[in-house]
Amino acid sequence: MAAFITAFNITMQTEGGYNPGQGEAETYMGVDRSQNPNWSGWVIITAIKAANPGSSVNTLDSLFEKNADLQTDVQSFYKTNYWDTLQLDTVNDQQVANALFDCSVNPCIISASKAAQIACNTVTPGAVGVDGQVGSLTIAGINKQTPSLFVTAFNGIRVANYYQRVSLTPADKQWLSSWLGRCKPYAQGNA
């Protein structure tokens, strides 16, 4: 079965550190304060900022990274809100789970669950219903696919959706290269 920490570490490579709100809402490791104002990590971040007035973003980022409680809160946030909601502990292939988790964190226009269902049906027509809900039938459908074919189909859906996002919101073009870089090809022989 897939391991959360593996997928988490891959996705966090592109989620970055601390942004005090320059060009977007205040975020830490991809957690947006405006969307998640009650996240327990904000209490820690606010306390560290208050204890270190006038510190640069780089200094704050370093202090945040060294705070074990904050790092535990980040992992818990992502496990609960992104990994567990897709039932990724029950996915057999790690690379499939990595792709699903990353898409859940950085979604297409459609949800990761709906993209997964469409990918299943791309590889095996009629494999699962497309309702955007992950249940035992969707997980079984994902697990029945050849992982490399599933990831290729899933990434194709992600890429098309990212381009569609840019066509709908041209200002998002600044993120396109980063989004496309998240669509990792399946690496044969890797877990």
C-alpha atoms as a PDB file:
ATOM      1  CA  MET A   1       0.000   0.000   0.000  1.00  0.00           C
ATOM      2  CA  ALA A   2       1.036   3.578  -0.625  1.00  0.00           C
ATOM      3  CA  ALA A   3       2.789   5.633   2.056  1.00  0.00           C
ATOM      4  CA  PHE A   4       1.656   9.171   2.847  1.00  0.00           C
ATOM      5  CA  ILE A   5       5.098  10.489   3.807  1.00  0.00           C
ATOM      6  CA  THR A   6       6.565   9.565   0.406  1.00  0.00           C
ATOM      7  CA  ALA A   7       3.871  11.477  -1.484  1.00  0.00           C
ATOM      8  CA  PHE A   8       3.973  14.344   1.013  1.00  0.00           C
ATOM      9  CA  ASN A   9       7.738  14.821   0.602  1.00  0.00           C
ATOM     10  CA  ILE A  10       7.429  14.900  -3.198  1.00  0.00           C
ATOM     11  CA  THR A  11       4.578  17.417  -3.204  1.00  0.00           C
ATOM     12  CA  MET A  12       6.223  19.669  -0.626  1.00  0.00           C
ATOM     13  CA  GLN A  13       9.166  20.155  -3.008  1.00  0.00           C
ATOM     14  CA  THR A  14       6.880  22.412  -5.050  1.00  0.00           C
ATOM     15  CA  GLU A  15       4.641  23.819  -2.332  1.00  0.00           C
ATOM     16  CA  GLY A  16       7.480  25.927  -0.974  1.00  0.00           C
ATOM     17  CA  GLY A  17       7.926  27.615   2.363  1.00  0.00           C
ATOM     18  CA  TYR A  18       6.581  30.860   3.752  1.00  0.00           C
ATOM     19  CA  ASN A  19       4.916  33.632   1.755  1.00  0.00           C
ATOM     20  CA  PRO A  20       3.877  36.589   3.938  1.00  0.00           C
ATOM     21  CA  GLY A  21       1.186  37.535   1.439  1.00  0.00           C
ATOM     22  CA  GLN A  22       3.122  38.917  -1.500  1.00  0.00           C
ATOM     23  CA  GLY A  23       1.099  38.290  -4.661  1.00  0.00           C
ATOM     24  CA  GLU A  24      -1.287  35.937  -2.885  1.00  0.00           C
ATOM     25  CA  ALA A  25      -2.652  35.258   0.587  1.00  0.00           C
ATOM     26  CA  GLU A  26      -0.268  34.463   3.421  1.00  0.00           C
ATOM     27  CA  THR A  27       0.771  30.834   3.013  1.00  0.00           C
ATOM     28  CA  TYR A  28       3.051  28.331   4.638  1.00  0.00           C
ATOM     29  CA  MET A  29       3.915  25.086   2.844  1.00  0.00           C
ATOM     30  CA  GLY A  30       0.927  25.688   0.594  1.00  0.00           C
ATOM     31  CA  VAL A  31      -1.553  26.219   3.457  1.00  0.00           C
ATOM     32  CA  ASP A  32      -3.395  29.441   2.642  1.00  0.00           C
ATOM     33  CA  ARG A  33      -4.404  31.486   5.696  1.00  0.00           C
ATOM     34  CA  SER A  34      -7.405  33.024   3.923  1.00  0.00           C
ATOM     35  CA  GLN A  35      -8.768  29.565   3.073  1.00  0.00           C
ATOM     36  CA  ASN A  36      -7.710  27.867   6.331  1.00  0.00           C
ATOM     37  CA  PRO A  37      -7.824  30.548   9.046  1.00  0.00           C
ATOM     38  CA  ASN A  38      -8.414  28.025  11.848  1.00  0.00           C
ATOM     39  CA  TRP A  39      -5.471  25.755  11.015  1.00  0.00           C
ATOM     40  CA  SER A  40      -3.511  25.169  14.237  1.00  0.00           C
ATOM     41  CA  GLY A  41      -0.204  25.992  12.517  1.00  0.00           C
ATOM     42  CA  TRP A  42      -1.136  29.678  12.259  1.00  0.00           C
ATOM     43  CA  VAL A  43      -0.931  30.012  16.056  1.00  0.00           C
ATOM     44  CA  ILE A  44       2.675  28.779  15.958  1.00  0.00           C
ATOM     45  CA  ILE A  45       3.556  30.967  12.972  1.00  0.00           C
ATOM     46  CA  THR A  46       2.059  34.046  14.621  1.00  0.00           C
ATOM     47  CA  ALA A  47       4.006  33.349  17.842  1.00  0.00           C
ATOM     48  CA  ILE A  48       7.306  32.894  15.976  1.00  0.00           C
ATOM     49  CA  LYS A  49       6.738  36.108  14.002  1.00  0.00           C
ATOM     50  CA  ALA A  50       5.927  38.014  17.212  1.00  0.00           C
ATOM     51  CA  ALA A  51       9.081  36.687  18.904  1.00  0.00           C
ATOM     52  CA  ASN A  52      11.222  37.714  15.912  1.00  0.00           C
ATOM     53  CA  PRO A  53       9.988  41.151  14.778  1.00  0.00           C
ATOM     54  CA  GLY A  54      11.576  42.535  11.627  1.00  0.00           C
ATOM     55  CA  SER A  55      12.967  39.144  10.556  1.00  0.00           C
ATOM     56  CA  SER A  56      13.317  38.482   6.858  1.00  0.00           C
ATOM     57  CA  VAL A  57      11.132  35.938   5.102  1.00  0.00           C
ATOM     58  CA  ASN A  58      14.150  33.632   4.792  1.00  0.00           C
ATOM     59  CA  THR A  59      14.846  33.829   8.524  1.00  0.00           C
ATOM     60  CA  LEU A  60      11.200  33.186   9.389  1.00  0.00           C
ATOM     61  CA  ASP A  61      11.081  30.300   6.933  1.00  0.00           C
ATOM     62  CA  SER A  62      14.125  28.772   8.623  1.00  0.00           C
ATOM     63  CA  LEU A  63      12.582  29.211  12.086  1.00  0.00           C
ATOM     64  CA  PHE A  64       9.318  27.642  10.904  1.00  0.00           C
ATOM     65  CA  GLU A  65      11.160  24.704   9.350  1.00  0.00           C
ATOM     66  CA  LYS A  66      12.973  24.004  12.643  1.00  0.00           C
ATOM     67  CA  ASN A  67       9.758  23.994  14.674  1.00  0.00           C
ATOM     68  CA  ALA A  68       8.784  20.326  15.116  1.00  0.00           C
ATOM     69  CA  ASP A  69       5.215  21.119  16.236  1.00  0.00           C
ATOM     70  CA  LEU A  70       4.625  23.247  13.156  1.00  0.00           C
ATOM     71  CA  GLN A  71       6.013  20.558  10.855  1.00  0.00           C
ATOM     72  CA  THR A  72       3.734  17.989  12.523  1.00  0.00           C
ATOM     73  CA  ASP A  73       0.760  20.324  11.981  1.00  0.00           C
ATOM     74  CA  VAL A  74       1.650  20.686   8.290  1.00  0.00           C
ATOM     75  CA  GLN A  75       1.808  16.915   7.803  1.00  0.00           C
ATOM     76  CA  SER A  76      -1.417  16.381   9.725  1.00  0.00           C
ATOM     77  CA  PHE A  77      -3.185  19.044   7.652  1.00  0.00           C
ATOM     78  CA  TYR A  78      -2.226  17.391   4.377  1.00  0.00           C
ATOM     79  CA  LYS A  79      -2.879  13.844   5.553  1.00  0.00           C
ATOM     80  CA  THR A  80      -6.356  14.678   6.830  1.00  0.00           C
ATOM     81  CA  ASN A  81      -7.494  17.038   4.078  1.00  0.00           C
ATOM     82  CA  TYR A  82      -5.896  15.537   0.979  1.00  0.00           C
ATOM     83  CA  TRP A  83      -4.530  12.018   1.523  1.00  0.00           C
ATOM     84  CA  ASP A  84      -7.315  10.569   3.671  1.00  0.00           C
ATOM     85  CA  THR A  85     -10.160  12.127   1.666  1.00  0.00           C
ATOM     86  CA  LEU A  86      -8.975  10.149  -1.383  1.00  0.00           C
ATOM     87  CA  GLN A  87      -8.384   6.983   0.671  1.00  0.00           C
ATOM     88  CA  LEU A  88      -4.847   6.836  -0.672  1.00  0.00           C
ATOM     89  CA  ASP A  89      -3.733   4.372   2.021  1.00  0.00           C
ATOM     90  CA  THR A  90      -5.692   1.797   0.001  1.00  0.00           C
ATOM     91  CA  VAL A  91      -3.987   2.503  -3.346  1.00  0.00           C
ATOM     92  CA  ASN A  92      -1.581  -0.303  -4.249  1.00  0.00           C
ATOM     93  CA  ASP A  93       0.978   1.664  -6.278  1.00  0.00           C
ATOM     94  CA  GLN A  94       3.042   4.444  -4.675  1.00  0.00           C
ATOM     95  CA  GLN A  95       3.491   6.436  -7.886  1.00  0.00           C
ATOM     96  CA  VAL A  96      -0.253   6.374  -8.541  1.00  0.00           C
ATOM     97  CA  ALA A  97      -0.863   7.630  -4.989  1.00  0.00           C
ATOM     98  CA  ASN A  98       1.836  10.311  -5.426  1.00  0.00           C
ATOM     99  CA  ALA A  99       0.080  11.643  -8.540  1.00  0.00           C
ATOM    100  CA  LEU A 100      -3.370  11.569  -6.954  1.00  0.00           C
ATOM    101  CA  PHE A 101      -2.159  13.304  -3.800  1.00  0.00           C
ATOM    102  CA  ASP A 102      -0.314  16.013  -5.715  1.00  0.00           C
ATOM    103  CA  CYS A 103      -3.347  16.695  -7.902  1.00  0.00           C
ATOM    104  CA  SER A 104      -5.535  16.890  -4.813  1.00  0.00           C
ATOM    105  CA  VAL A 105      -3.199  19.517  -3.343  1.00  0.00           C
ATOM    106  CA  ASN A 106      -2.821  21.417  -6.638  1.00  0.00           C
ATOM    107  CA  PRO A 107      -6.085  20.663  -8.414  1.00  0.00           C
ATOM    108  CA  CYS A 108      -7.041  20.884 -12.020  1.00  0.00           C
ATOM    109  CA  ILE A 109     -10.328  22.502 -12.965  1.00  0.00           C
ATOM    110  CA  ILE A 110     -11.884  19.170 -12.089  1.00  0.00           C
ATOM    111  CA  SER A 111     -11.185  17.392  -8.815  1.00  0.00           C
ATOM    112  CA  ALA A 112      -8.460  14.785  -8.408  1.00  0.00           C
ATOM    113  CA  SER A 113     -11.156  12.186  -7.766  1.00  0.00           C
ATOM    114  CA  LYS A 114     -12.988  12.952 -10.992  1.00  0.00           C
ATOM    115  CA  ALA A 115      -9.713  13.061 -12.946  1.00  0.00           C
ATOM    116  CA  ALA A 116      -8.846   9.635 -11.469  1.00  0.00           C
ATOM    117  CA  GLN A 117     -12.185   8.200 -12.554  1.00  0.00           C
ATOM    118  CA  ILE A 118     -11.784   9.596 -16.066  1.00  0.00           C
ATOM    119  CA  ALA A 119      -8.236   8.189 -16.213  1.00  0.00           C
ATOM    120  CA  CYS A 120      -9.528   4.746 -15.192  1.00  0.00           C
ATOM    121  CA  ASN A 121     -12.074   4.891 -18.001  1.00  0.00           C
ATOM    122  CA  THR A 122      -9.444   6.112 -20.453  1.00  0.00           C
ATOM    123  CA  VAL A 123      -7.318   3.028 -19.757  1.00  0.00           C
ATOM    124  CA  THR A 124     -10.249   0.622 -19.342  1.00  0.00           C
ATOM    125  CA  PRO A 125     -13.508   1.969 -20.825  1.00  0.00           C
ATOM    126  CA  GLY A 126     -16.389   1.627 -18.374  1.00  0.00           C
ATOM    127  CA  ALA A 127     -14.106   0.755 -15.454  1.00  0.00           C
ATOM    128  CA  VAL A 128     -15.803   3.095 -12.972  1.00  0.00           C
ATOM    129  CA  GLY A 129     -18.602   5.600 -12.741  1.00  0.00           C
ATOM    130  CA  VAL A 130     -17.631   9.264 -12.939  1.00  0.00           C
ATOM    131  CA  ASP A 131     -19.219  11.052 -10.002  1.00  0.00           C
ATOM    132  CA  GLY A 132     -16.205  12.708  -8.383  1.00  0.00           C
ATOM    133  CA  GLN A 133     -16.641  10.627  -5.219  1.00  0.00           C
ATOM    134  CA  VAL A 134     -13.927   8.233  -4.078  1.00  0.00           C
ATOM    135  CA  GLY A 135     -15.319   5.035  -2.674  1.00  0.00           C
ATOM    136  CA  SER A 136     -14.470   1.368  -2.768  1.00  0.00           C
ATOM    137  CA  LEU A 137     -15.438   1.041  -6.458  1.00  0.00           C
ATOM    138  CA  THR A 138     -13.141   3.888  -7.511  1.00  0.00           C
ATOM    139  CA  ILE A 139     -10.250   2.539  -5.424  1.00  0.00           C
ATOM    140  CA  ALA A 140     -10.786  -0.952  -6.871  1.00  0.00           C
ATOM    141  CA  GLY A 141     -10.871   0.556 -10.366  1.00  0.00           C
ATOM    142  CA  ILE A 142      -7.622   2.448  -9.766  1.00  0.00           C
ATOM    143  CA  ASN A 143      -5.924  -0.634  -8.317  1.00  0.00           C
ATOM    144  CA  LYS A 144      -6.939  -2.765 -11.326  1.00  0.00           C
ATOM    145  CA  GLN A 145      -5.198  -0.451 -13.797  1.00  0.00           C
ATOM    146  CA  THR A 146      -1.665  -0.919 -15.049  1.00  0.00           C
ATOM    147  CA  PRO A 147      -0.010   1.816 -12.953  1.00  0.00           C
ATOM    148  CA  SER A 148       2.098   3.285 -15.786  1.00  0.00           C
ATOM    149  CA  LEU A 149      -0.938   3.543 -18.077  1.00  0.00           C
ATOM    150  CA  PHE A 150      -3.057   5.068 -15.332  1.00  0.00           C
ATOM    151  CA  VAL A 151      -0.438   7.706 -14.462  1.00  0.00           C
ATOM    152  CA  THR A 152       0.028   8.586 -18.145  1.00  0.00           C
ATOM    153  CA  ALA A 153      -3.731   9.032 -18.625  1.00  0.00           C
ATOM    154  CA  PHE A 154      -4.088  10.913 -15.333  1.00  0.00           C
ATOM    155  CA  ASN A 155      -1.242  13.287 -16.216  1.00  0.00           C
ATOM    156  CA  GLY A 156      -2.767  13.912 -19.640  1.00  0.00           C
ATOM    157  CA  ILE A 157      -5.989  15.007 -17.933  1.00  0.00           C
ATOM    158  CA  ARG A 158      -4.043  17.226 -15.537  1.00  0.00           C
ATOM    159  CA  VAL A 159      -2.057  18.878 -18.333  1.00  0.00           C
ATOM    160  CA  ALA A 160      -5.200  19.588 -20.380  1.00  0.00           C
ATOM    161  CA  ASN A 161      -6.921  21.031 -17.313  1.00  0.00           C
ATOM    162  CA  TYR A 162      -3.957  23.241 -16.417  1.00  0.00           C
ATOM    163  CA  TYR A 163      -3.955  24.700 -19.927  1.00  0.00           C
ATOM    164  CA  GLN A 164      -7.693  25.234 -19.635  1.00  0.00           C
ATOM    165  CA  ARG A 165      -7.163  27.050 -16.323  1.00  0.00           C
ATOM    166  CA  VAL A 166      -4.731  29.411 -18.047  1.00  0.00           C
ATOM    167  CA  SER A 167      -7.129  30.017 -20.938  1.00  0.00           C
ATOM    168  CA  LEU A 168      -9.867  30.914 -18.442  1.00  0.00           C
ATOM    169  CA  THR A 169      -7.570  32.997 -16.226  1.00  0.00           C
ATOM    170  CA  PRO A 170      -4.599  34.288 -18.276  1.00  0.00           C
ATOM    171  CA  ALA A 171      -2.863  35.664 -15.156  1.00  0.00           C
ATOM    172  CA  ASP A 172      -2.378  32.041 -14.055  1.00  0.00           C
ATOM    173  CA  LYS A 173       0.126  31.550 -16.876  1.00  0.00           C
ATOM    174  CA  GLN A 174       2.857  32.487 -14.375  1.00  0.00           C
ATOM    175  CA  TRP A 175       2.181  29.144 -12.623  1.00  0.00           C
ATOM    176  CA  LEU A 176       1.854  26.931 -15.708  1.00  0.00           C
ATOM    177  CA  SER A 177       5.459  25.742 -15.825  1.00  0.00           C
ATOM    178  CA  SER A 178       5.321  24.778 -12.148  1.00  0.00           C
ATOM    179  CA  TRP A 179       1.992  22.985 -12.590  1.00  0.00           C
ATOM    180  CA  LEU A 180       3.236  21.021 -15.586  1.00  0.00           C
ATOM    181  CA  GLY A 181       6.382  20.063 -13.685  1.00  0.00           C
ATOM    182  CA  ARG A 182       4.207  18.400 -11.060  1.00  0.00           C
ATOM    183  CA  CYS A 183       2.955  15.854 -13.607  1.00  0.00           C
ATOM    184  CA  LYS A 184       5.695  13.284 -13.046  1.00  0.00           C
ATOM    185  CA  PRO A 185       5.947  10.419 -15.566  1.00  0.00           C
ATOM    186  CA  TYR A 186       5.738   6.898 -14.248  1.00  0.00           C
ATOM    187  CA  ALA A 187       9.245   5.570 -13.555  1.00  0.00           C
ATOM    188  CA  GLN A 188       9.487   1.844 -14.225  1.00  0.00           C
ATOM    189  CA  GLY A 189      11.074  -0.087 -11.389  1.00  0.00           C
ATOM    190  CA  ASN A 190      10.279   2.531  -8.720  1.00  0.00           C
ATOM    191  CA  ALA A 191       8.007   1.861  -5.802  1.00  0.00           C
END
